[in-house]
PDB file of N, CA and C in Angstrom:
ATOM      1  N   MET A   1      -6.862   8.100 -10.102  1.00  0.00           N
ATOM      2  CA  MET A   1      -5.695   7.403 -10.190  1.00  0.00           C
ATOM      3  C   MET A   1      -5.932   6.552  -8.858  1.00  0.00           C
ATOM      4  N   LYS A   2      -5.998   5.136  -9.481  1.00  0.00           N
ATOM      5  CA  LYS A   2      -5.633   4.161  -9.203  1.00  0.00           C
ATOM      6  C   LYS A   2      -3.720   4.061  -8.366  1.00  0.00           C
ATOM      7  N   ASN A   3      -4.312   3.454  -7.019  1.00  0.00           N
ATOM      8  CA  ASN A   3      -2.595   3.519  -6.936  1.00  0.00           C
ATOM      9  C   ASN A   3      -1.934   2.262  -6.781  1.00  0.00           C
ATOM     10  N   VAL A   4      -0.401   2.047  -7.528  1.00  0.00           N
ATOM     11  CA  VAL A   4       0.177   1.227  -8.344  1.00  0.00           C
ATOM     12  C   VAL A   4       1.336   0.525  -7.817  1.00  0.00           C
ATOM     13  N   THR A   5       1.088  -0.288  -7.132  1.00  0.00           N
ATOM     14  CA  THR A   5       1.836  -1.263  -6.837  1.00  0.00           C
ATOM     15  C   THR A   5       3.404  -2.625  -7.478  1.00  0.00           C
ATOM     16  N   ILE A   6       4.249  -2.626  -7.810  1.00  0.00           N
ATOM     17  CA  ILE A   6       5.042  -3.195  -8.311  1.00  0.00           C
ATOM     18  C   ILE A   6       5.834  -4.051  -7.557  1.00  0.00           C
ATOM     19  N   TYR A   7       5.617  -5.201  -7.435  1.00  0.00           N
ATOM     20  CA  TYR A   7       7.145  -6.254  -6.812  1.00  0.00           C
ATOM     21  C   TYR A   7       8.322  -6.433  -7.627  1.00  0.00           C
ATOM     22  N   THR A   8       9.272  -6.057  -7.511  1.00  0.00           N
ATOM     23  CA  THR A   8      10.305  -6.661  -8.522  1.00  0.00           C
ATOM     24  C   THR A   8      11.705  -7.475  -7.766  1.00  0.00           C
ATOM     25  N   THR A   9      12.164  -7.641  -9.197  1.00  0.00           N
ATOM     26  CA  THR A   9      13.842  -7.904  -8.467  1.00  0.00           C
ATOM     27  C   THR A   9      15.099  -7.112  -9.549  1.00  0.00           C
ATOM     28  N   MET A  10      16.014  -6.829  -9.177  1.00  0.00           N
ATOM     29  CA  MET A  10      16.739  -5.984 -10.114  1.00  0.00           C
ATOM     30  C   MET A  10      16.928  -6.631 -11.207  1.00  0.00           C
ATOM     31  N   THR A  11      16.883  -8.213 -11.476  1.00  0.00           N
ATOM     32  CA  THR A  11      17.330  -8.768 -12.491  1.00  0.00           C
ATOM     33  C   THR A  11      16.619  -9.646 -13.487  1.00  0.00           C
ATOM     34  N   CYS A  12      15.566  -8.882 -13.159  1.00  0.00           N
ATOM     35  CA  CYS A  12      13.964  -9.283 -14.110  1.00  0.00           C
ATOM     36  C   CYS A  12      13.623  -8.612 -15.622  1.00  0.00           C
ATOM     37  N   PRO A  13      13.933  -8.515 -16.587  1.00  0.00           N
ATOM     38  CA  PRO A  13      13.650  -7.697 -18.070  1.00  0.00           C
ATOM     39  C   PRO A  13      11.954  -7.230 -17.802  1.00  0.00           C
ATOM     40  N   TYR A  14      11.233  -8.358 -17.154  1.00  0.00           N
ATOM     41  CA  TYR A  14       9.613  -8.427 -17.691  1.00  0.00           C
ATOM     42  C   TYR A  14       9.605  -7.217 -16.232  1.00  0.00           C
ATOM     43  N   CYS A  15      10.103  -6.944 -15.046  1.00  0.00           N
ATOM     44  CA  CYS A  15      10.026  -5.714 -14.152  1.00  0.00           C
ATOM     45  C   CYS A  15       9.808  -4.633 -15.150  1.00  0.00           C
ATOM     46  N   TYR A  16      11.548  -4.377 -15.836  1.00  0.00           N
ATOM     47  CA  TYR A  16      11.666  -2.903 -15.831  1.00  0.00           C
ATOM     48  C   TYR A  16      10.995  -3.035 -17.323  1.00  0.00           C
ATOM     49  N   ARG A  17      10.222  -3.909 -18.210  1.00  0.00           N
ATOM     50  CA  ARG A  17       9.361  -3.455 -18.854  1.00  0.00           C
ATOM     51  C   ARG A  17       8.022  -3.219 -18.773  1.00  0.00           C
ATOM     52  N   ALA A  18       7.918  -3.435 -17.613  1.00  0.00           N
ATOM     53  CA  ALA A  18       6.420  -3.241 -16.792  1.00  0.00           C
ATOM     54  C   ALA A  18       6.239  -1.908 -16.430  1.00  0.00           C
ATOM     55  N   LYS A  19       7.690  -1.810 -15.374  1.00  0.00           N
ATOM     56  CA  LYS A  19       8.321   0.018 -15.311  1.00  0.00           C
ATOM     57  C   LYS A  19       8.160   0.648 -16.535  1.00  0.00           C
ATOM     58  N   SER A  20       8.813   0.135 -17.094  1.00  0.00           N
ATOM     59  CA  SER A  20       8.854   1.303 -19.293  1.00  0.00           C
ATOM     60  C   SER A  20       7.799   1.196 -19.141  1.00  0.00           C
ATOM     61  N   LEU A  21       6.493   1.341 -19.633  1.00  0.00           N
ATOM     62  CA  LEU A  21       5.152   1.257 -19.833  1.00  0.00           C
ATOM     63  C   LEU A  21       4.878   1.860 -18.889  1.00  0.00           C
ATOM     64  N   LEU A  22       4.460   1.994 -17.260  1.00  0.00           N
ATOM     65  CA  LEU A  22       3.897   2.353 -16.635  1.00  0.00           C
ATOM     66  C   LEU A  22       4.468   4.081 -17.070  1.00  0.00           C
ATOM     67  N   LYS A  23       6.097   4.159 -16.933  1.00  0.00           N
ATOM     68  CA  LYS A  23       6.953   5.850 -16.938  1.00  0.00           C
ATOM     69  C   LYS A  23       6.006   6.641 -18.415  1.00  0.00           C
ATOM     70  N   LYS A  24       6.084   5.751 -19.335  1.00  0.00           N
ATOM     71  CA  LYS A  24       5.618   5.866 -20.948  1.00  0.00           C
ATOM     72  C   LYS A  24       4.064   6.916 -20.314  1.00  0.00           C
ATOM     73  N   LEU A  25       3.531   6.303 -19.702  1.00  0.00           N
ATOM     74  CA  LEU A  25       2.246   6.704 -19.417  1.00  0.00           C
ATOM     75  C   LEU A  25       2.033   8.019 -18.337  1.00  0.00           C
ATOM     76  N   SER A  26       3.250   7.688 -18.074  1.00  0.00           N
ATOM     77  CA  SER A  26       3.337   8.945 -16.583  1.00  0.00           C
ATOM     78  C   SER A  26       2.104   8.302 -15.412  1.00  0.00           C
ATOM     79  N   VAL A  27       2.268   6.909 -15.309  1.00  0.00           N
ATOM     80  CA  VAL A  27       1.491   6.655 -13.933  1.00  0.00           C
ATOM     81  C   VAL A  27       2.695   5.808 -13.200  1.00  0.00           C
ATOM     82  N   PRO A  28       2.477   6.858 -11.707  1.00  0.00           N
ATOM     83  CA  PRO A  28       3.074   6.748 -10.642  1.00  0.00           C
ATOM     84  C   PRO A  28       2.998   5.256 -10.194  1.00  0.00           C
ATOM     85  N   TYR A  29       4.212   4.966  -9.404  1.00  0.00           N
ATOM     86  CA  TYR A  29       4.267   3.461  -8.830  1.00  0.00           C
ATOM     87  C   TYR A  29       4.638   3.267  -7.643  1.00  0.00           C
ATOM     88  N   LYS A  30       4.710   2.979  -6.871  1.00  0.00           N
ATOM     89  CA  LYS A  30       5.101   2.523  -5.745  1.00  0.00           C
ATOM     90  C   LYS A  30       5.726   0.864  -5.728  1.00  0.00           C
ATOM     91  N   GLU A  31       6.932   1.287  -5.615  1.00  0.00           N
ATOM     92  CA  GLU A  31       8.087  -0.373  -6.435  1.00  0.00           C
ATOM     93  C   GLU A  31       8.486  -1.331  -5.192  1.00  0.00           C
ATOM     94  N   ILE A  32       8.197  -2.504  -4.991  1.00  0.00           N
ATOM     95  CA  ILE A  32       8.655  -2.478  -3.285  1.00  0.00           C
ATOM     96  C   ILE A  32       9.654  -4.191  -4.014  1.00  0.00           C
ATOM     97  N   GLY A  33      10.845  -3.851  -3.944  1.00  0.00           N
ATOM     98  CA  GLY A  33      12.170  -4.778  -4.593  1.00  0.00           C
ATOM     99  C   GLY A  33      12.291  -6.279  -3.404  1.00  0.00           C
ATOM    100  N   VAL A  34      12.125  -7.252  -4.026  1.00  0.00           N
ATOM    101  CA  VAL A  34      12.577  -8.240  -3.123  1.00  0.00           C
ATOM    102  C   VAL A  34      13.748  -8.666  -3.217  1.00  0.00           C
ATOM    103  N   ASP A  35      14.284  -8.574  -4.092  1.00  0.00           N
ATOM    104  CA  ASP A  35      15.660  -9.150  -4.035  1.00  0.00           C
ATOM    105  C   ASP A  35      15.991  -9.613  -2.586  1.00  0.00           C
ATOM    106  N   PHE A  36      17.071 -10.196  -1.897  1.00  0.00           N
ATOM    107  CA  PHE A  36      17.489 -10.559  -0.854  1.00  0.00           C
ATOM    108  C   PHE A  36      16.871 -10.685   0.518  1.00  0.00           C
ATOM    109  N   LYS A  37      14.844 -10.474   0.080  1.00  0.00           N
ATOM    110  CA  LYS A  37      14.483 -10.423   0.909  1.00  0.00           C
ATOM    111  C   LYS A  37      13.191 -11.435   1.033  1.00  0.00           C
ATOM    112  N   PRO A  38      13.511 -12.256   1.466  1.00  0.00           N
ATOM    113  CA  PRO A  38      12.538 -13.555   1.486  1.00  0.00           C
ATOM    114  C   PRO A  38      10.992 -13.240   2.322  1.00  0.00           C
ATOM    115  N   SER A  39      11.307 -12.406   3.147  1.00  0.00           N
ATOM    116  CA  SER A  39       9.922 -12.130   3.986  1.00  0.00           C
ATOM    117  C   SER A  39       8.652 -11.232   2.590  1.00  0.00           C
ATOM    118  N   LEU A  40       9.665 -10.580   2.378  1.00  0.00           N
ATOM    119  CA  LEU A  40       8.214  -9.895   1.153  1.00  0.00           C
ATOM    120  C   LEU A  40       8.806 -10.742   0.059  1.00  0.00           C
ATOM    121  N   ARG A  41       9.304 -11.302  -0.010  1.00  0.00           N
ATOM    122  CA  ARG A  41       8.959 -12.211  -1.268  1.00  0.00           C
ATOM    123  C   ARG A  41       7.515 -12.998  -1.111  1.00  0.00           C
ATOM    124  N   ALA A  42       7.626 -14.150   0.192  1.00  0.00           N
ATOM    125  CA  ALA A  42       6.712 -14.891   1.149  1.00  0.00           C
ATOM    126  C   ALA A  42       5.297 -13.909   0.849  1.00  0.00           C
ATOM    127  N   ASP A  43       5.381 -12.586   1.143  1.00  0.00           N
ATOM    128  CA  ASP A  43       3.899 -11.307   1.200  1.00  0.00           C
ATOM    129  C   ASP A  43       3.467 -11.470   0.025  1.00  0.00           C
ATOM    130  N   MET A  44       4.260 -11.455  -1.297  1.00  0.00           N
ATOM    131  CA  MET A  44       3.794 -11.269  -1.745  1.00  0.00           C
ATOM    132  C   MET A  44       3.725 -12.301  -2.885  1.00  0.00           C
ATOM    133  N   ALA A  45       4.154 -13.644  -2.944  1.00  0.00           N
ATOM    134  CA  ALA A  45       3.368 -14.591  -3.246  1.00  0.00           C
ATOM    135  C   ALA A  45       2.243 -15.346  -2.149  1.00  0.00           C
ATOM    136  N   GLU A  46       1.873 -14.864  -1.221  1.00  0.00           N
ATOM    137  CA  GLU A  46       0.957 -14.954  -0.467  1.00  0.00           C
ATOM    138  C   GLU A  46      -0.304 -14.230  -0.835  1.00  0.00           C
ATOM    139  N   LYS A  47       0.198 -12.985  -1.121  1.00  0.00           N
ATOM    140  CA  LYS A  47      -1.502 -12.187  -1.893  1.00  0.00           C
ATOM    141  C   LYS A  47      -1.390 -12.639  -3.529  1.00  0.00           C
ATOM    142  N   ALA A  48      -0.193 -12.562  -3.970  1.00  0.00           N
ATOM    143  CA  ALA A  48      -0.715 -12.870  -5.364  1.00  0.00           C
ATOM    144  C   ALA A  48      -1.235 -14.446  -5.903  1.00  0.00           C
ATOM    145  N   GLY A  49      -0.243 -15.270  -5.142  1.00  0.00           N
ATOM    146  CA  GLY A  49      -0.600 -17.045  -5.072  1.00  0.00           C
ATOM    147  C   GLY A  49       0.296 -17.186  -6.310  1.00  0.00           C
ATOM    148  N   LYS A  50       1.652 -16.327  -6.953  1.00  0.00           N
ATOM    149  CA  LYS A  50       2.773 -16.478  -7.539  1.00  0.00           C
ATOM    150  C   LYS A  50       3.640 -15.874  -6.709  1.00  0.00           C
ATOM    151  N   THR A  51       4.616 -16.471  -7.403  1.00  0.00           N
ATOM    152  CA  THR A  51       6.571 -16.115  -6.893  1.00  0.00           C
ATOM    153  C   THR A  51       7.201 -15.661  -7.495  1.00  0.00           C
ATOM    154  N   SER A  52       6.490 -15.940  -9.114  1.00  0.00           N
ATOM    155  CA  SER A  52       7.362 -14.638 -10.305  1.00  0.00           C
ATOM    156  C   SER A  52       6.948 -13.356  -9.827  1.00  0.00           C
ATOM    157  N   VAL A  53       8.023 -12.548 -10.229  1.00  0.00           N
ATOM    158  CA  VAL A  53       7.675 -11.247 -10.480  1.00  0.00           C
ATOM    159  C   VAL A  53       8.072 -10.362 -12.356  1.00  0.00           C
ATOM    160  N   PRO A  54       7.017  -9.781 -12.154  1.00  0.00           N
ATOM    161  CA  PRO A  54       7.141  -8.343 -11.744  1.00  0.00           C
ATOM    162  C   PRO A  54       5.067  -8.911 -11.174  1.00  0.00           C
ATOM    163  N   GLN A  55       4.737  -8.541  -9.983  1.00  0.00           N
ATOM    164  CA  GLN A  55       3.147  -8.587  -9.829  1.00  0.00           C
ATOM    165  C   GLN A  55       2.976  -7.322  -9.416  1.00  0.00           C
ATOM    166  N   ILE A  56       1.463  -7.446  -9.984  1.00  0.00           N
ATOM    167  CA  ILE A  56       1.143  -5.968  -9.917  1.00  0.00           C
ATOM    168  C   ILE A  56      -0.387  -5.431  -9.406  1.00  0.00           C
ATOM    169  N   TRP A  57      -0.093  -4.746  -8.872  1.00  0.00           N
ATOM    170  CA  TRP A  57      -1.804  -4.308  -7.929  1.00  0.00           C
ATOM    171  C   TRP A  57      -1.526  -3.316  -8.215  1.00  0.00           C
ATOM    172  N   PHE A  58      -3.534  -3.048  -8.777  1.00  0.00           N
ATOM    173  CA  PHE A  58      -3.604  -1.050  -8.755  1.00  0.00           C
ATOM    174  C   PHE A  58      -4.868  -1.604  -7.457  1.00  0.00           C
ATOM    175  N   ASP A  59      -4.759  -0.490  -6.892  1.00  0.00           N
ATOM    176  CA  ASP A  59      -5.098  -0.106  -5.355  1.00  0.00           C
ATOM    177  C   ASP A  59      -5.226  -1.861  -4.846  1.00  0.00           C
ATOM    178  N   ASP A  60      -6.391  -2.221  -4.102  1.00  0.00           N
ATOM    179  CA  ASP A  60      -6.173  -3.832  -4.065  1.00  0.00           C
ATOM    180  C   ASP A  60      -6.712  -5.180  -4.262  1.00  0.00           C
ATOM    181  N   LYS A  61      -6.601  -4.635  -6.009  1.00  0.00           N
ATOM    182  CA  LYS A  61      -6.846  -5.536  -6.790  1.00  0.00           C
ATOM    183  C   LYS A  61      -5.775  -6.161  -7.930  1.00  0.00           C
ATOM    184  N   HIS A  62      -4.773  -7.208  -8.017  1.00  0.00           N
ATOM    185  CA  HIS A  62      -4.196  -7.901  -8.557  1.00  0.00           C
ATOM    186  C   HIS A  62      -5.065  -8.371  -9.975  1.00  0.00           C
ATOM    187  N   ILE A  63      -3.409  -7.361 -10.735  1.00  0.00           N
ATOM    188  CA  ILE A  63      -3.586  -7.550 -11.714  1.00  0.00           C
ATOM    189  C   ILE A  63      -2.898  -8.973 -12.516  1.00  0.00           C
ATOM    190  N   GLY A  64      -1.484  -8.954 -12.003  1.00  0.00           N
ATOM    191  CA  GLY A  64      -0.574 -10.500 -12.373  1.00  0.00           C
ATOM    192  C   GLY A  64       0.673 -10.135 -12.731  1.00  0.00           C
ATOM    193  N   GLY A  65       0.972 -10.269 -13.959  1.00  0.00           N
ATOM    194  CA  GLY A  65       2.482 -10.066 -13.889  1.00  0.00           C
ATOM    195  C   GLY A  65       2.620  -8.698 -15.479  1.00  0.00           C
ATOM    196  N   CYS A  66       3.638  -9.110 -16.131  1.00  0.00           N
ATOM    197  CA  CYS A  66       3.907  -8.125 -17.153  1.00  0.00           C
ATOM    198  C   CYS A  66       3.813  -8.392 -18.896  1.00  0.00           C
ATOM    199  N   ASP A  67       2.794  -9.639 -18.807  1.00  0.00           N
ATOM    200  CA  ASP A  67       2.324 -10.288 -19.418  1.00  0.00           C
ATOM    201  C   ASP A  67       0.727  -9.425 -19.585  1.00  0.00           C
ATOM    202  N   ASP A  68      -0.086  -9.674 -18.614  1.00  0.00           N
ATOM    203  CA  ASP A  68      -1.189  -9.253 -18.007  1.00  0.00           C
ATOM    204  C   ASP A  68      -1.161  -7.677 -18.368  1.00  0.00           C
ATOM    205  N   LEU A  69      -0.379  -6.726 -17.754  1.00  0.00           N
ATOM    206  CA  LEU A  69      -0.285  -5.254 -18.084  1.00  0.00           C
ATOM    207  C   LEU A  69      -0.360  -5.132 -19.769  1.00  0.00           C
ATOM    208  N   TYR A  70       0.054  -5.882 -20.052  1.00  0.00           N
ATOM    209  CA  TYR A  70       0.528  -5.176 -21.794  1.00  0.00           C
ATOM    210  C   TYR A  70      -1.224  -5.747 -22.042  1.00  0.00           C
ATOM    211  N   ALA A  71      -1.382  -6.659 -22.295  1.00  0.00           N
ATOM    212  CA  ALA A  71      -2.860  -7.633 -22.215  1.00  0.00           C
ATOM    213  C   ALA A  71      -3.491  -6.496 -22.321  1.00  0.00           C
ATOM    214  N   LEU A  72      -3.803  -5.811 -20.951  1.00  0.00           N
ATOM    215  CA  LEU A  72      -4.787  -4.928 -20.983  1.00  0.00           C
ATOM    216  C   LEU A  72      -5.185  -3.304 -21.628  1.00  0.00           C
ATOM    217  N   TYR A  73      -2.960  -2.971 -21.742  1.00  0.00           N
ATOM    218  CA  TYR A  73      -2.652  -1.618 -22.895  1.00  0.00           C
ATOM    219  C   TYR A  73      -3.324  -1.421 -24.158  1.00  0.00           C
ATOM    220  N   GLU A  74      -2.835  -2.819 -24.619  1.00  0.00           N
ATOM    221  CA  GLU A  74      -3.276  -3.199 -25.951  1.00  0.00           C
ATOM    222  C   GLU A  74      -4.791  -3.922 -26.347  1.00  0.00           C
ATOM    223  N   GLU A  75      -5.260  -3.684 -25.433  1.00  0.00           N
ATOM    224  CA  GLU A  75      -6.410  -3.963 -25.015  1.00  0.00           C
ATOM    225  C   GLU A  75      -7.358  -2.433 -25.371  1.00  0.00           C
ATOM    226  N   GLY A  76      -6.641  -1.512 -25.198  1.00  0.00           N
ATOM    227  CA  GLY A  76      -6.741  -0.266 -24.732  1.00  0.00           C
ATOM    228  C   GLY A  76      -7.871  -0.121 -23.455  1.00  0.00           C
ATOM    229  N   ASN A  77      -7.307  -0.533 -21.611  1.00  0.00           N
ATOM    230  CA  ASN A  77      -8.318  -0.734 -21.146  1.00  0.00           C
ATOM    231  C   ASN A  77      -7.544  -0.437 -19.903  1.00  0.00           C
ATOM    232  N   LEU A  78      -6.027  -0.287 -20.203  1.00  0.00           N
ATOM    233  CA  LEU A  78      -5.493  -0.269 -19.029  1.00  0.00           C
ATOM    234  C   LEU A  78      -5.722   1.369 -18.762  1.00  0.00           C
ATOM    235  N   GLU A  79      -5.796   2.397 -19.231  1.00  0.00           N
ATOM    236  CA  GLU A  79      -5.795   3.675 -19.242  1.00  0.00           C
ATOM    237  C   GLU A  79      -7.312   3.807 -18.472  1.00  0.00           C
ATOM    238  N   LYS A  80      -8.290   2.941 -18.630  1.00  0.00           N
ATOM    239  CA  LYS A  80      -9.391   3.111 -18.581  1.00  0.00           C
ATOM    240  C   LYS A  80      -9.623   2.666 -16.921  1.00  0.00           C
ATOM    241  N   ILE A  81      -8.835   1.700 -16.234  1.00  0.00           N
ATOM    242  CA  ILE A  81      -9.506   1.136 -15.505  1.00  0.00           C
ATOM    243  C   ILE A  81      -7.887   1.967 -14.418  1.00  0.00           C
ATOM    244  N   LEU A  82      -7.142   2.305 -15.037  1.00  0.00           N
ATOM    245  CA  LEU A  82      -6.561   3.619 -14.133  1.00  0.00           C
ATOM    246  C   LEU A  82      -7.297   4.514 -13.797  1.00  0.00           C
ATOM    247  N   SER A  83      -7.623   5.076 -14.578  1.00  0.00           N
ATOM    248  CA  SER A  83      -8.458   6.182 -14.732  1.00  0.00           C
ATOM    249  C   SER A  83      -9.855   6.307 -13.408  1.00  0.00           C
ATOM    250  N   HIS A  84     -10.673   5.290 -12.867  1.00  0.00           N
ATOM    251  CA  HIS A  84     -11.256   4.999 -12.635  1.00  0.00           C
ATOM    252  C   HIS A  84     -11.081   4.632 -11.169  1.00  0.00           C
TER     253      HIS A  84
END
């Protein structure tokens, strides 16, 4: 199983949506809240090339945001990727 990391904020509905899908699939994840933490958000933005949340990684591979996670799920690829 891949290590899943998700950068979030407390007010982001897309963050809650992404976490909800991961919970539904019983996928453990490490959540990094970037609220009021400009240095963490800057680190996330540098790694992802984006400042929006959520930003999601499987191990060291950047997956993208909530829409990207759901696209993998709807294509039937999410669980395959996570298990390899």
